[in-house]
Amino acid sequence: MTVPTSPTDPTGVARAAARVPASAPPARSARAPRSAAQARLRRQSALRWAVLLPLGAFFLLPLAAMLEFSTREAGNRHDLAAWAAIGDTPELVQGITTSLSLAGLTVLVMLVLLVPTLTWVRLRLPRLRRLVEFLCLLPLTIPAIVLVVGIAPIYAWVAYLMGDSPLTLTFVYVVLVLPYSYRAIDAGLAAVDLPTLAEAARGLGASWWTVLLRVVVPNIRGALVGASFLALALVLGEFTLASLLNFDNLQVQINLLGKRDAAESVAVSLASMLFAFALLLAISFVGRRRRGTTSS
């Protein structure tokens, strides 16, 4: 077959060279990036395990020691007598019920107080954001003992008007959880285009309560769950305020129980921590399921 010539290429060499297929690159150069990526993944995996193993030992060894101590009996024997005695101690059961009730009430009041307030500030009063943030973060700067000294006279009137119930600790617990819950909810509101969503809903005839309940809350559900968990963990672990104000909650009962039965006290402490871990795992599972549903 002859190669056509052109005035600029009388011999047709350039056209023939253009039709010759290029040689394939060496296999070694194609494998080099893959080998580098695999080596990088191995280094990252080794670094991850080098960090996770010491941290896991740091957190799990004390829990294992608590489990061993709470099941230890005379003669190097182990049984679950201390764990079985948890349900047979009326004061402890009452403390658990009180703490769970306080946790539920605190979460409810905190959400009712913060969600409408922060939503309204972001939509209508943006100049007050710094003031609201300052007020919500202020309890972090006040030690618990100083807070007790300040609110003790107020609680004398609270006890006079509402009765001497441990559930009145809800008011002061809401103040304690404000800094942590505020950060979680504010971050959730900052992650969505709140003005656009609110204007669209209002343009379709929705009331402000409809906007709040059917537009804002579904879009910050993860932030609300995180804020609720932080409040729940703080209330279940709170001791100072309840003890100094002469109320009995779970931590106060654990402290009193430890003076007469150390094994049962440690068992209750471990059970409360495992309960908090289970809540965290449940919240993480719900969050992953929610993201999967949204992405699909």
Protein backbone atom coordinates (compact mmCIF):
# COMPACT_ATOMS: atom_id res chain seq x y z
CA MET A 1 0.00 0.00 0.00
CA THR A 2 1.46 3.34 -0.98
CA VAL A 3 1.53 6.34 1.31
CA PRO A 4 0.20 9.50 -0.28
CA THR A 5 2.62 12.36 -0.44
CA SER A 6 2.13 16.06 0.09
CA PRO A 7 4.05 19.07 -1.13
CA THR A 8 5.47 19.63 2.37
CA ASP A 9 6.23 15.91 2.88
CA PRO A 10 7.19 14.43 -0.51
CA THR A 11 8.41 11.15 0.93
CA GLY A 12 5.37 10.50 3.18
CA VAL A 13 7.62 9.72 6.13
CA ALA A 14 5.69 11.86 8.60
CA ARG A 15 2.33 10.22 7.73
CA ALA A 16 3.80 6.74 8.01
CA ALA A 17 5.32 7.57 11.36
CA ALA A 18 1.98 8.89 12.59
CA ARG A 19 0.31 5.56 11.71
CA VAL A 20 2.81 3.49 13.65
CA PRO A 21 1.21 2.56 17.05
CA ALA A 22 3.00 3.86 20.13
CA SER A 23 4.74 1.31 22.24
CA ALA A 24 3.07 0.35 25.57
CA PRO A 25 4.62 1.86 28.75
CA PRO A 26 6.63 -0.45 30.92
CA ALA A 27 4.64 -2.51 33.43
CA ARG A 28 6.93 -1.36 36.24
CA SER A 29 5.88 2.29 35.86
CA ALA A 30 2.18 1.29 36.10
CA ARG A 31 2.74 -0.73 39.25
CA ALA A 32 4.80 1.94 40.99
CA PRO A 33 1.91 4.25 42.01
CA ARG A 34 -0.13 1.28 43.22
CA SER A 35 2.75 0.02 45.34
CA ALA A 36 3.27 3.50 46.82
CA ALA A 37 -0.44 3.75 47.67
CA GLN A 38 -0.42 0.33 49.33
CA ALA A 39 2.66 1.25 51.35
CA ARG A 40 0.98 4.47 52.46
CA LEU A 41 -2.15 2.56 53.52
CA ARG A 42 -0.03 0.11 55.51
CA ARG A 43 1.73 2.97 57.30
CA GLN A 44 -1.60 4.63 58.09
CA SER A 45 -3.01 1.35 59.42
CA ALA A 46 0.05 0.78 61.59
CA LEU A 47 -0.17 4.33 62.96
CA ARG A 48 -3.87 3.88 63.64
CA TRP A 49 -3.32 0.71 65.63
CA ALA A 50 -0.34 2.27 67.44
CA VAL A 51 -2.68 5.01 68.68
CA LEU A 52 -5.81 2.94 69.30
CA LEU A 53 -4.20 0.10 71.26
CA PRO A 54 -2.70 2.28 74.05
CA LEU A 55 -5.91 4.32 74.24
CA GLY A 56 -8.00 1.16 74.41
CA ALA A 57 -5.81 -0.23 77.17
CA PHE A 58 -6.01 3.11 79.01
CA PHE A 59 -9.81 3.00 79.03
CA LEU A 60 -10.49 -0.73 79.28
CA LEU A 61 -8.01 -1.76 81.98
CA PRO A 62 -9.71 0.34 84.73
CA LEU A 63 -13.07 -1.10 83.70
CA ALA A 64 -11.67 -4.62 83.86
CA ALA A 65 -10.22 -3.86 87.31
CA MET A 66 -13.62 -2.58 88.46
CA LEU A 67 -15.30 -5.73 87.17
CA GLU A 68 -12.75 -7.95 88.91
CA PHE A 69 -13.10 -6.06 92.21
CA SER A 70 -16.91 -6.08 92.13
CA THR A 71 -16.98 -9.87 91.62
CA ARG A 72 -14.17 -10.76 94.05
CA GLU A 73 -15.00 -12.93 97.07
CA ALA A 74 -13.00 -14.55 99.82
CA GLY A 75 -10.78 -17.45 98.85
CA ASN A 76 -9.97 -16.07 95.38
CA ARG A 77 -13.49 -16.81 94.24
CA HIS A 78 -15.59 -14.66 91.93
CA ASP A 79 -19.37 -14.37 91.73
CA LEU A 80 -22.05 -11.83 90.86
CA ALA A 81 -23.45 -11.32 94.34
CA ALA A 82 -22.68 -7.59 94.35
CA TRP A 83 -24.36 -7.17 90.97
CA ALA A 84 -27.41 -9.13 92.07
CA ALA A 85 -27.70 -6.95 95.17
CA ILE A 86 -28.19 -3.79 93.11
CA GLY A 87 -31.90 -4.42 92.67
CA ASP A 88 -32.29 -5.43 96.34
CA THR A 89 -31.17 -2.03 97.73
CA PRO A 90 -34.21 0.30 97.94
CA GLU A 91 -32.14 3.45 98.43
CA LEU A 92 -30.07 2.66 95.36
CA VAL A 93 -33.13 1.94 93.24
CA GLN A 94 -34.62 5.23 94.40
CA GLY A 95 -31.40 7.06 93.49
CA ILE A 96 -31.38 5.49 90.02
CA THR A 97 -35.03 6.45 89.46
CA THR A 98 -34.37 10.00 90.66
CA SER A 99 -31.33 10.47 88.40
CA LEU A 100 -33.14 9.10 85.34
CA SER A 101 -36.13 11.37 86.03
CA LEU A 102 -33.82 14.36 86.48
CA ALA A 103 -32.02 13.50 83.25
CA GLY A 104 -35.27 13.30 81.28
CA LEU A 105 -36.62 16.55 82.71
CA THR A 106 -33.32 18.36 82.17
CA VAL A 107 -33.13 17.27 78.54
CA LEU A 108 -36.75 18.33 77.94
CA VAL A 109 -36.38 21.76 79.54
CA MET A 110 -33.02 22.34 77.83
CA LEU A 111 -34.41 21.59 74.36
CA VAL A 112 -37.55 23.67 74.91
CA LEU A 113 -35.40 26.57 76.10
CA LEU A 114 -32.53 26.50 73.62
CA VAL A 115 -34.00 25.41 70.27
CA PRO A 116 -36.60 28.21 69.88
CA THR A 117 -34.24 30.79 71.38
CA LEU A 118 -31.26 30.01 69.15
CA THR A 119 -33.48 29.68 66.07
CA TRP A 120 -35.10 33.06 66.70
CA VAL A 121 -31.74 34.71 67.39
CA ARG A 122 -30.29 33.40 64.11
CA LEU A 123 -33.33 34.45 62.10
CA ARG A 124 -34.37 37.76 63.65
CA LEU A 125 -31.81 38.94 66.20
CA PRO A 126 -28.32 38.11 64.87
CA ARG A 127 -26.78 40.98 66.85
CA LEU A 128 -27.63 39.17 70.09
CA ARG A 129 -25.68 36.03 69.20
CA ARG A 130 -22.59 37.09 71.16
CA LEU A 131 -24.67 37.99 74.21
CA VAL A 132 -26.57 34.68 74.13
CA GLU A 133 -23.31 32.79 73.67
CA PHE A 134 -21.76 34.61 76.63
CA LEU A 135 -24.73 33.83 78.88
CA CYS A 136 -24.80 30.16 77.87
CA LEU A 137 -21.05 29.69 78.39
CA LEU A 138 -20.97 31.59 81.69
CA PRO A 139 -21.61 28.49 83.90
CA LEU A 140 -18.24 27.10 82.75
CA THR A 141 -16.47 29.87 84.63
CA ILE A 142 -18.34 29.35 87.92
CA PRO A 143 -17.16 26.49 90.19
CA ALA A 144 -19.84 24.16 91.46
CA ILE A 145 -19.24 25.07 95.11
CA VAL A 146 -19.69 28.78 94.31
CA LEU A 147 -22.85 27.98 92.37
CA VAL A 148 -24.23 26.09 95.37
CA VAL A 149 -23.51 28.99 97.71
CA GLY A 150 -25.32 31.34 95.34
CA ILE A 151 -28.42 29.24 94.74
CA ALA A 152 -28.86 27.79 98.25
CA PRO A 153 -31.06 30.73 99.40
CA ILE A 154 -33.07 30.47 96.18
CA TYR A 155 -33.64 26.76 96.76
CA ALA A 156 -34.98 27.53 100.22
CA TRP A 157 -37.83 29.38 98.49
CA VAL A 158 -38.11 26.67 95.82
CA ALA A 159 -38.53 24.05 98.55
CA TYR A 160 -41.11 26.26 100.27
CA LEU A 161 -43.16 26.80 97.10
CA MET A 162 -42.72 23.49 95.25
CA GLY A 163 -41.87 21.02 97.99
CA ASP A 164 -38.63 19.34 99.01
CA SER A 165 -38.37 17.10 95.95
CA PRO A 166 -35.09 16.10 94.29
CA LEU A 167 -36.72 16.85 90.94
CA THR A 168 -36.34 20.56 91.68
CA LEU A 169 -32.66 20.06 90.84
CA THR A 170 -33.82 20.23 87.22
CA PHE A 171 -33.52 24.03 87.28
CA VAL A 172 -29.88 24.10 88.31
CA TYR A 173 -29.01 21.15 86.08
CA VAL A 174 -30.35 23.04 83.06
CA VAL A 175 -27.93 25.83 83.92
CA LEU A 176 -25.07 23.33 84.17
CA VAL A 177 -25.72 21.74 80.77
CA LEU A 178 -26.20 25.04 78.92
CA PRO A 179 -22.57 25.44 77.71
CA TYR A 180 -22.34 21.95 76.23
CA SER A 181 -25.84 21.80 74.77
CA TYR A 182 -25.53 25.31 73.34
CA ARG A 183 -22.40 24.38 71.40
CA ALA A 184 -24.00 21.25 69.94
CA ILE A 185 -27.26 22.94 68.89
CA ASP A 186 -25.55 26.07 67.58
CA ALA A 187 -23.25 23.95 65.41
CA GLY A 188 -26.27 22.11 64.00
CA LEU A 189 -28.05 25.37 63.17
CA ALA A 190 -24.91 26.76 61.52
CA ALA A 191 -24.70 23.72 59.24
CA VAL A 192 -28.06 24.40 57.53
CA ASP A 193 -29.28 27.35 55.47
CA LEU A 194 -31.79 28.36 58.09
CA PRO A 195 -32.97 31.71 56.61
CA THR A 196 -33.72 30.16 53.22
CA LEU A 197 -35.61 27.22 54.73
CA ALA A 198 -37.62 29.46 57.04
CA GLU A 199 -38.51 31.93 54.27
CA ALA A 200 -39.58 29.11 51.97
CA ALA A 201 -41.80 27.59 54.65
CA ARG A 202 -43.29 30.97 55.56
CA GLY A 203 -43.91 31.67 51.88
CA LEU A 204 -45.98 28.48 51.71
CA GLY A 205 -48.13 29.66 54.62
CA ALA A 206 -46.50 27.81 57.54
CA SER A 207 -46.66 29.35 61.00
CA TRP A 208 -43.54 29.92 63.08
CA TRP A 209 -44.29 26.85 65.21
CA THR A 210 -44.68 24.77 62.06
CA VAL A 211 -41.36 26.10 60.79
CA LEU A 212 -39.71 25.20 64.08
CA LEU A 213 -41.18 21.71 64.45
CA ARG A 214 -41.34 20.55 60.82
CA VAL A 215 -38.44 22.40 59.21
CA VAL A 216 -35.81 23.27 61.82
CA VAL A 217 -35.99 20.24 64.12
CA PRO A 218 -35.70 17.57 61.37
CA ASN A 219 -32.65 19.31 59.91
CA ILE A 220 -30.79 19.50 63.25
CA ARG A 221 -31.88 16.13 64.63
CA GLY A 222 -28.28 14.94 64.98
CA ALA A 223 -27.33 18.07 66.93
CA LEU A 224 -30.35 17.62 69.22
CA VAL A 225 -29.40 14.01 69.89
CA GLY A 226 -25.82 15.03 70.69
CA ALA A 227 -26.96 17.82 73.03
CA SER A 228 -29.36 15.44 74.77
CA PHE A 229 -26.63 12.86 75.28
CA LEU A 230 -24.28 15.46 76.77
CA ALA A 231 -26.99 16.62 79.15
CA LEU A 232 -27.86 13.04 80.08
CA ALA A 233 -24.24 12.12 80.80
CA LEU A 234 -23.71 15.23 82.94
CA VAL A 235 -26.86 14.70 85.01
CA LEU A 236 -26.20 11.00 85.61
CA GLY A 237 -22.68 11.79 86.84
CA GLU A 238 -23.44 14.89 88.93
CA PHE A 239 -22.60 14.67 92.65
CA THR A 240 -21.53 18.03 94.10
CA LEU A 241 -24.73 20.02 93.77
CA ALA A 242 -27.02 17.23 94.91
CA SER A 243 -24.82 16.43 97.90
CA LEU A 244 -24.41 20.03 99.08
CA LEU A 245 -28.11 20.78 98.61
CA ASN A 246 -29.02 17.62 100.59
CA PHE A 247 -30.70 15.72 97.78
CA ASP A 248 -30.21 12.04 97.00
CA ASN A 249 -29.45 11.05 93.44
CA LEU A 250 -27.51 8.13 91.96
CA GLN A 251 -24.03 9.48 92.69
CA VAL A 252 -24.91 10.44 96.26
CA GLN A 253 -26.28 6.93 96.88
CA ILE A 254 -23.14 5.39 95.36
CA ASN A 255 -21.03 7.48 97.73
CA LEU A 256 -23.08 6.40 100.74
CA LEU A 257 -23.11 2.78 99.59
CA GLY A 258 -19.33 2.76 99.22
CA LYS A 259 -18.96 3.35 102.96
CA ARG A 260 -20.63 0.05 103.81
CA ASP A 261 -20.28 -2.14 100.69
CA ALA A 262 -17.44 -1.23 98.37
CA ALA A 263 -18.03 -4.10 95.93
CA GLU A 264 -21.65 -3.15 95.29
CA SER A 265 -20.69 0.51 94.98
CA VAL A 266 -18.10 -0.30 92.31
CA ALA A 267 -20.62 -2.57 90.55
CA VAL A 268 -23.14 0.26 90.36
CA SER A 269 -20.48 2.69 89.10
CA LEU A 270 -19.44 0.26 86.38
CA ALA A 271 -23.06 -0.38 85.43
CA SER A 272 -23.72 3.36 85.08
CA MET A 273 -20.66 3.78 82.81
CA LEU A 274 -21.69 0.82 80.67
CA PHE A 275 -25.16 2.32 80.41
CA ALA A 276 -23.63 5.59 79.16
CA PHE A 277 -21.49 3.69 76.63
CA ALA A 278 -24.55 1.82 75.41
CA LEU A 279 -26.37 5.12 74.94
CA LEU A 280 -23.44 6.51 72.94
CA LEU A 281 -23.38 3.44 70.68
CA ALA A 282 -27.13 3.65 70.19
CA ILE A 283 -26.88 7.33 69.25
CA SER A 284 -24.05 6.58 66.81
CA PHE A 285 -26.11 3.79 65.23
CA VAL A 286 -29.13 6.06 64.88
CA GLY A 287 -26.95 8.79 63.35
CA ARG A 288 -25.45 6.39 60.77
CA ARG A 289 -28.90 5.03 59.93
CA ARG A 290 -30.23 8.55 59.51
CA ARG A 291 -27.37 9.52 57.16
CA GLY A 292 -27.87 6.33 55.15
CA THR A 293 -31.58 7.04 54.75
CA THR A 294 -30.90 10.63 53.70
CA SER A 295 -28.25 9.65 51.14
CA SER A 296 -30.47 6.95 49.60
